């Protein structure tokens, strides 16, 4: 069967219709299944967002260590963090509008 033929025989959400109503009927969620789904989504969200958040977390950690060791004053770092956040928010707002 070709790809076009397979897509012609699909129902809601892309499930193949095999002539039985069981294919597209929803499953009963038990508490255990709900927990599994929650953990799966939670891990997926962490895995998707950790690479984007890692540079910011590492920068904050490095600056915190520099302040704790006395190499840099906290008041010297605050404008740098403010500038980085401002630049990041401008880039985010521009890129967010381009994807809509």
PDB file of N, CA and C in Angstrom:
ATOM      1  N   UNK A   1       0.851  -1.174   0.000  1.00  0.00           N
ATOM      2  CA  UNK A   1       0.000   0.000   0.000  1.00  0.00           C
ATOM      3  C   UNK A   1       0.898   1.238   0.000  1.00  0.00           C
ATOM      4  N   UNK A   2       0.535   2.222  -0.776  1.00  0.00           N
ATOM      5  CA  UNK A   2       1.327   3.444  -0.866  1.00  0.00           C
ATOM      6  C   UNK A   2       1.057   4.340   0.348  1.00  0.00           C
ATOM      7  N   UNK A   3       1.905   5.363   0.502  1.00  0.00           N
ATOM      8  CA  UNK A   3       1.723   6.298   1.614  1.00  0.00           C
ATOM      9  C   UNK A   3       0.414   7.050   1.476  1.00  0.00           C
ATOM     10  N   UNK A   4       0.036   7.401   0.251  1.00  0.00           N
ATOM     11  CA  UNK A   4      -1.233   8.102   0.040  1.00  0.00           C
ATOM     12  C   UNK A   4      -2.401   7.182   0.365  1.00  0.00           C
ATOM     13  N   UNK A   5      -2.283   5.928   0.015  1.00  0.00           N
ATOM     14  CA  UNK A   5      -3.338   4.977   0.345  1.00  0.00           C
ATOM     15  C   UNK A   5      -3.492   4.778   1.846  1.00  0.00           C
ATOM     16  N   UNK A   6      -2.358   4.767   2.571  1.00  0.00           N
ATOM     17  CA  UNK A   6      -2.434   4.600   4.022  1.00  0.00           C
ATOM     18  C   UNK A   6      -3.076   5.812   4.688  1.00  0.00           C
ATOM     19  N   UNK A   7      -2.771   7.014   4.204  1.00  0.00           N
ATOM     20  CA  UNK A   7      -3.357   8.196   4.831  1.00  0.00           C
ATOM     21  C   UNK A   7      -4.830   8.344   4.486  1.00  0.00           C
ATOM     22  N   UNK A   8      -5.266   7.716   3.427  1.00  0.00           N
ATOM     23  CA  UNK A   8      -6.683   7.784   3.066  1.00  0.00           C
ATOM     24  C   UNK A   8      -7.535   6.964   4.032  1.00  0.00           C
ATOM     25  N   UNK A   9      -6.925   5.989   4.705  1.00  0.00           N
ATOM     26  CA  UNK A   9      -7.664   5.110   5.610  1.00  0.00           C
ATOM     27  C   UNK A   9      -7.419   5.431   7.075  1.00  0.00           C
ATOM     28  N   UNK A  10      -7.146   6.674   7.380  1.00  0.00           N
ATOM     29  CA  UNK A  10      -6.917   7.037   8.771  1.00  0.00           C
ATOM     30  C   UNK A  10      -8.105   7.804   9.311  1.00  0.00           C
ATOM     31  N   UNK A  11      -8.252   7.696  10.606  1.00  0.00           N
ATOM     32  CA  UNK A  11      -9.348   8.379  11.279  1.00  0.00           C
ATOM     33  C   UNK A  11      -8.820   9.525  12.115  1.00  0.00           C
ATOM     34  N   UNK A  12      -9.536   9.861  13.190  1.00  0.00           N
ATOM     35  CA  UNK A  12      -9.085  10.948  14.062  1.00  0.00           C
ATOM     36  C   UNK A  12      -7.713  10.655  14.656  1.00  0.00           C
ATOM     37  N   UNK A  13      -6.891  11.651  14.694  1.00  0.00           N
ATOM     38  CA  UNK A  13      -5.539  11.586  15.272  1.00  0.00           C
ATOM     39  C   UNK A  13      -4.644  10.612  14.531  1.00  0.00           C
ATOM     40  N   UNK A  14      -4.970  10.274  13.283  1.00  0.00           N
ATOM     41  CA  UNK A  14      -4.119   9.437  12.467  1.00  0.00           C
ATOM     42  C   UNK A  14      -4.199   7.953  12.752  1.00  0.00           C
ATOM     43  N   UNK A  15      -5.109   7.508  13.595  1.00  0.00           N
ATOM     44  CA  UNK A  15      -5.225   6.080  13.902  1.00  0.00           C
ATOM     45  C   UNK A  15      -5.807   5.348  12.709  1.00  0.00           C
ATOM     46  N   UNK A  16      -5.205   4.211  12.395  1.00  0.00           N
ATOM     47  CA  UNK A  16      -5.729   3.418  11.286  1.00  0.00           C
ATOM     48  C   UNK A  16      -7.082   2.835  11.660  1.00  0.00           C
ATOM     49  N   UNK A  17      -8.017   2.942  10.762  1.00  0.00           N
ATOM     50  CA  UNK A  17      -9.340   2.385  11.009  1.00  0.00           C
ATOM     51  C   UNK A  17      -9.351   0.975  10.454  1.00  0.00           C
ATOM     52  N   UNK A  18      -9.463   0.005  11.332  1.00  0.00           N
ATOM     53  CA  UNK A  18      -9.439  -1.395  10.931  1.00  0.00           C
ATOM     54  C   UNK A  18     -10.832  -2.002  10.962  1.00  0.00           C
ATOM     55  N   UNK A  19     -11.840  -1.178  10.994  1.00  0.00           N
ATOM     56  CA  UNK A  19     -13.193  -1.697  11.018  1.00  0.00           C
ATOM     57  C   UNK A  19     -13.735  -1.920  12.410  1.00  0.00           C
ATOM     58  N   UNK A  20     -12.941  -1.688  13.454  1.00  0.00           N
ATOM     59  CA  UNK A  20     -13.409  -1.876  14.818  1.00  0.00           C
ATOM     60  C   UNK A  20     -13.396  -0.529  15.531  1.00  0.00           C
ATOM     61  N   UNK A  21     -14.358  -0.285  16.393  1.00  0.00           N
ATOM     62  CA  UNK A  21     -14.377   0.987  17.114  1.00  0.00           C
ATOM     63  C   UNK A  21     -13.317   1.072  18.206  1.00  0.00           C
ATOM     64  N   UNK A  22     -12.652  -0.049  18.533  1.00  0.00           N
ATOM     65  CA  UNK A  22     -11.645  -0.047  19.596  1.00  0.00           C
ATOM     66  C   UNK A  22     -10.407   0.762  19.230  1.00  0.00           C
ATOM     67  N   UNK A  23     -10.180   0.952  17.948  1.00  0.00           N
ATOM     68  CA  UNK A  23      -8.962   1.616  17.511  1.00  0.00           C
ATOM     69  C   UNK A  23      -8.929   3.071  17.961  1.00  0.00           C
ATOM     70  N   UNK A  24     -10.054   3.768  17.916  1.00  0.00           N
ATOM     71  CA  UNK A  24     -10.073   5.183  18.242  1.00  0.00           C
ATOM     72  C   UNK A  24     -10.768   5.489  19.564  1.00  0.00           C
ATOM     73  N   UNK A  25     -11.189   4.476  20.305  1.00  0.00           N
ATOM     74  CA  UNK A  25     -11.852   4.730  21.580  1.00  0.00           C
ATOM     75  C   UNK A  25     -10.802   5.032  22.649  1.00  0.00           C
ATOM     76  N   UNK A  26     -11.075   5.967  23.544  1.00  0.00           N
ATOM     77  CA  UNK A  26     -10.096   6.324  24.563  1.00  0.00           C
ATOM     78  C   UNK A  26      -9.920   5.229  25.605  1.00  0.00           C
ATOM     79  N   UNK A  27      -8.719   5.192  26.183  1.00  0.00           N
ATOM     80  CA  UNK A  27      -8.393   4.216  27.209  1.00  0.00           C
ATOM     81  C   UNK A  27      -8.734   4.785  28.586  1.00  0.00           C
ATOM     82  N   UNK A  28      -9.151   3.933  29.502  1.00  0.00           N
ATOM     83  CA  UNK A  28      -9.425   4.351  30.872  1.00  0.00           C
ATOM     84  C   UNK A  28      -8.098   4.593  31.595  1.00  0.00           C
ATOM     85  N   UNK A  29      -7.954   5.765  32.189  1.00  0.00           N
ATOM     86  CA  UNK A  29      -6.712   6.112  32.883  1.00  0.00           C
ATOM     87  C   UNK A  29      -6.797   5.666  34.332  1.00  0.00           C
ATOM     88  N   UNK A  30      -5.894   4.798  34.707  1.00  0.00           N
ATOM     89  CA  UNK A  30      -5.763   4.401  36.099  1.00  0.00           C
ATOM     90  C   UNK A  30      -4.795   5.382  36.773  1.00  0.00           C
ATOM     91  N   UNK A  31      -4.773   5.445  38.096  1.00  0.00           N
ATOM     92  CA  UNK A  31      -3.796   6.325  38.761  1.00  0.00           C
ATOM     93  C   UNK A  31      -2.349   5.986  38.388  1.00  0.00           C
ATOM     94  N   UNK A  32      -2.063   4.707  38.214  1.00  0.00           N
ATOM     95  CA  UNK A  32      -0.701   4.303  37.836  1.00  0.00           C
ATOM     96  C   UNK A  32      -0.355   4.814  36.439  1.00  0.00           C
ATOM     97  N   UNK A  33      -1.285   4.679  35.502  1.00  0.00           N
ATOM     98  CA  UNK A  33      -1.055   5.160  34.143  1.00  0.00           C
ATOM     99  C   UNK A  33      -0.893   6.683  34.125  1.00  0.00           C
ATOM    100  N   UNK A  34      -1.701   7.378  34.908  1.00  0.00           N
ATOM    101  CA  UNK A  34      -1.594   8.832  34.989  1.00  0.00           C
ATOM    102  C   UNK A  34      -0.225   9.239  35.535  1.00  0.00           C
ATOM    103  N   UNK A  35       0.281   8.518  36.521  1.00  0.00           N
ATOM    104  CA  UNK A  35       1.602   8.798  37.072  1.00  0.00           C
ATOM    105  C   UNK A  35       2.690   8.571  36.027  1.00  0.00           C
ATOM    106  N   UNK A  36       2.563   7.485  35.266  1.00  0.00           N
ATOM    107  CA  UNK A  36       3.538   7.195  34.212  1.00  0.00           C
ATOM    108  C   UNK A  36       3.539   8.310  33.167  1.00  0.00           C
ATOM    109  N   UNK A  37       2.357   8.756  32.762  1.00  0.00           N
ATOM    110  CA  UNK A  37       2.255   9.832  31.774  1.00  0.00           C
ATOM    111  C   UNK A  37       2.846  11.127  32.336  1.00  0.00           C
ATOM    112  N   UNK A  38       2.556  11.438  33.598  1.00  0.00           N
ATOM    113  CA  UNK A  38       3.096  12.639  34.230  1.00  0.00           C
ATOM    114  C   UNK A  38       4.615  12.605  34.250  1.00  0.00           C
ATOM    115  N   UNK A  39       5.191  11.482  34.675  1.00  0.00           N
ATOM    116  CA  UNK A  39       6.653  11.364  34.745  1.00  0.00           C
ATOM    117  C   UNK A  39       7.255  11.461  33.343  1.00  0.00           C
ATOM    118  N   UNK A  40       6.606  10.836  32.368  1.00  0.00           N
ATOM    119  CA  UNK A  40       7.110  10.890  31.000  1.00  0.00           C
ATOM    120  C   UNK A  40       7.145  12.331  30.490  1.00  0.00           C
ATOM    121  N   UNK A  41       6.064  13.077  30.691  1.00  0.00           N
ATOM    122  CA  UNK A  41       6.008  14.470  30.247  1.00  0.00           C
ATOM    123  C   UNK A  41       6.985  15.339  31.013  1.00  0.00           C
ATOM    124  N   UNK A  42       7.117  15.097  32.316  1.00  0.00           N
ATOM    125  CA  UNK A  42       8.036  15.877  33.125  1.00  0.00           C
ATOM    126  C   UNK A  42       9.471  15.686  32.643  1.00  0.00           C
ATOM    127  N   UNK A  43       9.863  14.434  32.411  1.00  0.00           N
ATOM    128  CA  UNK A  43      11.214  14.162  31.931  1.00  0.00           C
ATOM    129  C   UNK A  43      11.438  14.767  30.542  1.00  0.00           C
ATOM    130  N   UNK A  44      10.432  14.696  29.698  1.00  0.00           N
ATOM    131  CA  UNK A  44      10.556  15.258  28.368  1.00  0.00           C
ATOM    132  C   UNK A  44      10.743  16.778  28.433  1.00  0.00           C
ATOM    133  N   UNK A  45       9.974  17.441  29.286  1.00  0.00           N
ATOM    134  CA  UNK A  45      10.089  18.895  29.414  1.00  0.00           C
ATOM    135  C   UNK A  45      11.462  19.298  29.962  1.00  0.00           C
ATOM    136  N   UNK A  46      11.958  18.561  30.929  1.00  0.00           N
ATOM    137  CA  UNK A  46      13.292  18.854  31.464  1.00  0.00           C
ATOM    138  C   UNK A  46      14.342  18.632  30.386  1.00  0.00           C
ATOM    139  N   UNK A  47      14.223  17.533  29.638  1.00  0.00           N
ATOM    140  CA  UNK A  47      15.201  17.231  28.591  1.00  0.00           C
ATOM    141  C   UNK A  47      15.176  18.275  27.474  1.00  0.00           C
ATOM    142  N   UNK A  48      14.013  18.831  27.199  1.00  0.00           N
ATOM    143  CA  UNK A  48      13.917  19.833  26.139  1.00  0.00           C
ATOM    144  C   UNK A  48      14.433  21.197  26.589  1.00  0.00           C
ATOM    145  N   UNK A  49      14.250  21.522  27.853  1.00  0.00           N
ATOM    146  CA  UNK A  49      14.591  22.859  28.312  1.00  0.00           C
ATOM    147  C   UNK A  49      15.972  22.963  28.952  1.00  0.00           C
ATOM    148  N   UNK A  50      16.515  21.881  29.428  1.00  0.00           N
ATOM    149  CA  UNK A  50      17.824  21.930  30.082  1.00  0.00           C
ATOM    150  C   UNK A  50      18.930  22.452  29.168  1.00  0.00           C
ATOM    151  N   UNK A  51      18.990  22.038  27.902  1.00  0.00           N
ATOM    152  CA  UNK A  51      20.056  22.590  27.049  1.00  0.00           C
ATOM    153  C   UNK A  51      19.949  24.103  26.851  1.00  0.00           C
ATOM    154  N   UNK A  52      18.742  24.640  26.816  1.00  0.00           N
ATOM    155  CA  UNK A  52      18.594  26.090  26.645  1.00  0.00           C
ATOM    156  C   UNK A  52      18.893  26.832  27.945  1.00  0.00           C
ATOM    157  N   UNK A  53      18.607  26.222  29.080  1.00  0.00           N
ATOM    158  CA  UNK A  53      18.805  26.891  30.361  1.00  0.00           C
ATOM    159  C   UNK A  53      20.222  26.715  30.902  1.00  0.00           C
ATOM    160  N   UNK A  54      20.950  25.729  30.425  1.00  0.00           N
ATOM    161  CA  UNK A  54      22.274  25.425  30.975  1.00  0.00           C
ATOM    162  C   UNK A  54      23.244  26.606  30.912  1.00  0.00           C
ATOM    163  N   UNK A  55      23.361  27.335  29.805  1.00  0.00           N
ATOM    164  CA  UNK A  55      24.308  28.466  29.815  1.00  0.00           C
ATOM    165  C   UNK A  55      23.981  29.515  30.865  1.00  0.00           C
ATOM    166  N   UNK A  56      22.704  29.813  31.053  1.00  0.00           N
ATOM    167  CA  UNK A  56      22.315  30.809  32.053  1.00  0.00           C
ATOM    168  C   UNK A  56      22.618  30.310  33.459  1.00  0.00           C
ATOM    169  N   UNK A  57      22.322  29.053  33.720  1.00  0.00           N
ATOM    170  CA  UNK A  57      22.596  28.477  35.045  1.00  0.00           C
ATOM    171  C   UNK A  57      24.101  28.456  35.315  1.00  0.00           C
ATOM    172  N   UNK A  58      24.891  28.076  34.319  1.00  0.00           N
ATOM    173  CA  UNK A  58      26.344  28.043  34.503  1.00  0.00           C
ATOM    174  C   UNK A  58      26.919  29.447  34.676  1.00  0.00           C
ATOM    175  N   UNK A  59      26.397  30.426  33.951  1.00  0.00           N
ATOM    176  CA  UNK A  59      26.857  31.810  34.111  1.00  0.00           C
ATOM    177  C   UNK A  59      26.544  32.312  35.515  1.00  0.00           C
ATOM    178  N   UNK A  60      25.341  32.038  35.988  1.00  0.00           N
ATOM    179  CA  UNK A  60      24.972  32.455  37.341  1.00  0.00           C
ATOM    180  C   UNK A  60      25.882  31.788  38.376  1.00  0.00           C
ATOM    181  N   UNK A  61      26.146  30.502  38.197  1.00  0.00           N
ATOM    182  CA  UNK A  61      27.029  29.790  39.124  1.00  0.00           C
ATOM    183  C   UNK A  61      28.437  30.352  39.129  1.00  0.00           C
ATOM    184  N   UNK A  62      28.956  30.667  37.940  1.00  0.00           N
ATOM    185  CA  UNK A  62      30.308  31.221  37.850  1.00  0.00           C
ATOM    186  C   UNK A  62      30.384  32.597  38.496  1.00  0.00           C
ATOM    187  N   UNK A  63      29.378  33.430  38.263  1.00  0.00           N
ATOM    188  CA  UNK A  63      29.378  34.763  38.871  1.00  0.00           C
ATOM    189  C   UNK A  63      29.223  34.689  40.385  1.00  0.00           C
ATOM    190  N   UNK A  64      28.431  33.743  40.853  1.00  0.00           N
ATOM    191  CA  UNK A  64      28.255  33.565  42.297  1.00  0.00           C
ATOM    192  C   UNK A  64      29.577  33.163  42.958  1.00  0.00           C
ATOM    193  N   UNK A  65      30.328  32.286  42.293  1.00  0.00           N
ATOM    194  CA  UNK A  65      31.627  31.864  42.833  1.00  0.00           C
ATOM    195  C   UNK A  65      32.599  33.040  42.860  1.00  0.00           C
ATOM    196  N   UNK A  66      32.599  33.853  41.799  1.00  0.00           N
ATOM    197  CA  UNK A  66      33.504  35.016  41.769  1.00  0.00           C
ATOM    198  C   UNK A  66      33.183  35.998  42.883  1.00  0.00           C
ATOM    199  N   UNK A  67      31.902  36.206  43.135  1.00  0.00           N
ATOM    200  CA  UNK A  67      31.507  37.112  44.215  1.00  0.00           C
ATOM    201  C   UNK A  67      31.875  36.509  45.570  1.00  0.00           C
ATOM    202  N   UNK A  68      31.650  35.210  45.752  1.00  0.00           N
ATOM    203  CA  UNK A  68      31.932  34.558  47.033  1.00  0.00           C
ATOM    204  C   UNK A  68      33.427  34.582  47.352  1.00  0.00           C
ATOM    205  N   UNK A  69      34.270  34.447  46.331  1.00  0.00           N
ATOM    206  CA  UNK A  69      35.719  34.462  46.562  1.00  0.00           C
ATOM    207  C   UNK A  69      36.271  35.873  46.693  1.00  0.00           C
ATOM    208  N   UNK A  70      35.459  36.876  46.407  1.00  0.00           N
ATOM    209  CA  UNK A  70      35.896  38.247  46.567  1.00  0.00           C
ATOM    210  C   UNK A  70      36.600  38.827  45.354  1.00  0.00           C
ATOM    211  N   UNK A  71      36.624  38.106  44.234  1.00  0.00           N
ATOM    212  CA  UNK A  71      37.266  38.627  43.029  1.00  0.00           C
ATOM    213  C   UNK A  71      36.478  39.791  42.429  1.00  0.00           C
ATOM    214  N   UNK A  72      35.168  39.747  42.595  1.00  0.00           N
ATOM    215  CA  UNK A  72      34.297  40.753  41.990  1.00  0.00           C
ATOM    216  C   UNK A  72      33.271  41.166  43.032  1.00  0.00           C
ATOM    217  N   UNK A  73      32.915  42.436  43.035  1.00  0.00           N
ATOM    218  CA  UNK A  73      31.846  42.913  43.909  1.00  0.00           C
ATOM    219  C   UNK A  73      30.497  42.622  43.259  1.00  0.00           C
ATOM    220  N   UNK A  74      29.503  42.359  44.083  1.00  0.00           N
ATOM    221  CA  UNK A  74      28.168  42.072  43.552  1.00  0.00           C
ATOM    222  C   UNK A  74      27.619  43.265  42.787  1.00  0.00           C
ATOM    223  N   UNK A  75      27.950  44.467  43.228  1.00  0.00           N
ATOM    224  CA  UNK A  75      27.441  45.664  42.546  1.00  0.00           C
ATOM    225  C   UNK A  75      28.051  45.811  41.147  1.00  0.00           C
ATOM    226  N   UNK A  76      29.215  45.203  40.912  1.00  0.00           N
ATOM    227  CA  UNK A  76      29.824  45.251  39.576  1.00  0.00           C
ATOM    228  C   UNK A  76      29.119  44.313  38.603  1.00  0.00           C
ATOM    229  N   UNK A  77      28.527  43.256  39.112  1.00  0.00           N
ATOM    230  CA  UNK A  77      27.915  42.240  38.259  1.00  0.00           C
ATOM    231  C   UNK A  77      26.464  42.574  37.923  1.00  0.00           C
ATOM    232  N   UNK A  78      25.785  43.302  38.786  1.00  0.00           N
ATOM    233  CA  UNK A  78      24.362  43.583  38.560  1.00  0.00           C
ATOM    234  C   UNK A  78      24.084  44.274  37.229  1.00  0.00           C
ATOM    235  N   UNK A  79      24.851  45.280  36.803  1.00  0.00           N
ATOM    236  CA  UNK A  79      24.572  45.876  35.486  1.00  0.00           C
ATOM    237  C   UNK A  79      24.794  44.897  34.332  1.00  0.00           C
ATOM    238  N   UNK A  80      25.781  44.022  34.477  1.00  0.00           N
ATOM    239  CA  UNK A  80      26.040  43.030  33.430  1.00  0.00           C
ATOM    240  C   UNK A  80      24.863  42.069  33.311  1.00  0.00           C
ATOM    241  N   UNK A  81      24.361  41.607  34.451  1.00  0.00           N
ATOM    242  CA  UNK A  81      23.207  40.699  34.430  1.00  0.00           C
ATOM    243  C   UNK A  81      21.990  41.416  33.866  1.00  0.00           C
ATOM    244  N   UNK A  82      21.787  42.676  34.237  1.00  0.00           N
ATOM    245  CA  UNK A  82      20.671  43.441  33.690  1.00  0.00           C
ATOM    246  C   UNK A  82      20.768  43.605  32.187  1.00  0.00           C
ATOM    247  N   UNK A  83      21.972  43.881  31.694  1.00  0.00           N
ATOM    248  CA  UNK A  83      22.164  44.030  30.252  1.00  0.00           C
ATOM    249  C   UNK A  83      21.903  42.709  29.530  1.00  0.00           C
ATOM    250  N   UNK A  84      22.401  41.614  30.090  1.00  0.00           N
ATOM    251  CA  UNK A  84      22.169  40.305  29.465  1.00  0.00           C
ATOM    252  C   UNK A  84      20.684  39.957  29.432  1.00  0.00           C
ATOM    253  N   UNK A  85      19.979  40.255  30.514  1.00  0.00           N
ATOM    254  CA  UNK A  85      18.542  39.971  30.536  1.00  0.00           C
ATOM    255  C   UNK A  85      17.785  40.856  29.563  1.00  0.00           C
ATOM    256  N   UNK A  86      18.186  42.108  29.448  1.00  0.00           N
ATOM    257  CA  UNK A  86      17.524  43.013  28.510  1.00  0.00           C
ATOM    258  C   UNK A  86      17.743  42.559  27.071  1.00  0.00           C
ATOM    259  N   UNK A  87      18.976  42.237  26.732  1.00  0.00           N
ATOM    260  CA  UNK A  87      19.272  41.760  25.380  1.00  0.00           C
ATOM    261  C   UNK A  87      18.520  40.462  25.108  1.00  0.00           C
ATOM    262  N   UNK A  88      18.507  39.565  26.072  1.00  0.00           N
ATOM    263  CA  UNK A  88      17.795  38.304  25.898  1.00  0.00           C
ATOM    264  C   UNK A  88      16.304  38.488  25.708  1.00  0.00           C
ATOM    265  N   UNK A  89      15.715  39.414  26.461  1.00  0.00           N
ATOM    266  CA  UNK A  89      14.272  39.628  26.330  1.00  0.00           C
ATOM    267  C   UNK A  89      13.927  40.257  24.987  1.00  0.00           C
ATOM    268  N   UNK A  90      14.782  41.147  24.482  1.00  0.00           N
ATOM    269  CA  UNK A  90      14.535  41.742  23.162  1.00  0.00           C
ATOM    270  C   UNK A  90      14.640  40.671  22.078  1.00  0.00           C
ATOM    271  N   UNK A  91      15.673  39.864  22.145  1.00  0.00           N
ATOM    272  CA  UNK A  91      15.829  38.787  21.159  1.00  0.00           C
ATOM    273  C   UNK A  91      14.657  37.822  21.239  1.00  0.00           C
ATOM    274  N   UNK A  92      14.230  37.479  22.452  1.00  0.00           N
ATOM    275  CA  UNK A  92      13.103  36.561  22.621  1.00  0.00           C
ATOM    276  C   UNK A  92      11.833  37.140  22.016  1.00  0.00           C
ATOM    277  N   UNK A  93      11.569  38.420  22.265  1.00  0.00           N
ATOM    278  CA  UNK A  93      10.328  39.004  21.758  1.00  0.00           C
ATOM    279  C   UNK A  93      10.345  39.092  20.235  1.00  0.00           C
ATOM    280  N   UNK A  94      11.490  39.381  19.654  1.00  0.00           N
ATOM    281  CA  UNK A  94      11.578  39.451  18.194  1.00  0.00           C
ATOM    282  C   UNK A  94      11.436  38.058  17.584  1.00  0.00           C
ATOM    283  N   UNK A  95      12.129  37.084  18.131  1.00  0.00           N
ATOM    284  CA  UNK A  95      12.056  35.737  17.564  1.00  0.00           C
ATOM    285  C   UNK A  95      10.688  35.115  17.804  1.00  0.00           C
ATOM    286  N   UNK A  96      10.045  35.451  18.906  1.00  0.00           N
ATOM    287  CA  UNK A  96       8.717  34.913  19.187  1.00  0.00           C
ATOM    288  C   UNK A  96       7.708  35.417  18.160  1.00  0.00           C
ATOM    289  N   UNK A  97       7.809  36.657  17.764  1.00  0.00           N
ATOM    290  CA  UNK A  97       6.868  37.219  16.790  1.00  0.00           C
ATOM    291  C   UNK A  97       7.124  36.669  15.387  1.00  0.00           C
ATOM    292  N   UNK A  98       8.342  36.293  15.101  1.00  0.00           N
ATOM    293  CA  UNK A  98       8.640  35.761  13.771  1.00  0.00           C
ATOM    294  C   UNK A  98       8.077  34.367  13.577  1.00  0.00           C
ATOM    295  N   UNK A  99       7.870  33.635  14.639  1.00  0.00           N
ATOM    296  CA  UNK A  99       7.351  32.265  14.521  1.00  0.00           C
ATOM    297  C   UNK A  99       5.844  32.221  14.495  1.00  0.00           C
ATOM    298  N   UNK A 100       5.166  33.315  14.753  1.00  0.00           N
ATOM    299  CA  UNK A 100       3.701  33.314  14.781  1.00  0.00           C
ATOM    300  C   UNK A 100       3.136  33.557  13.421  1.00  0.00           C
TER     301      UNK A 100
END
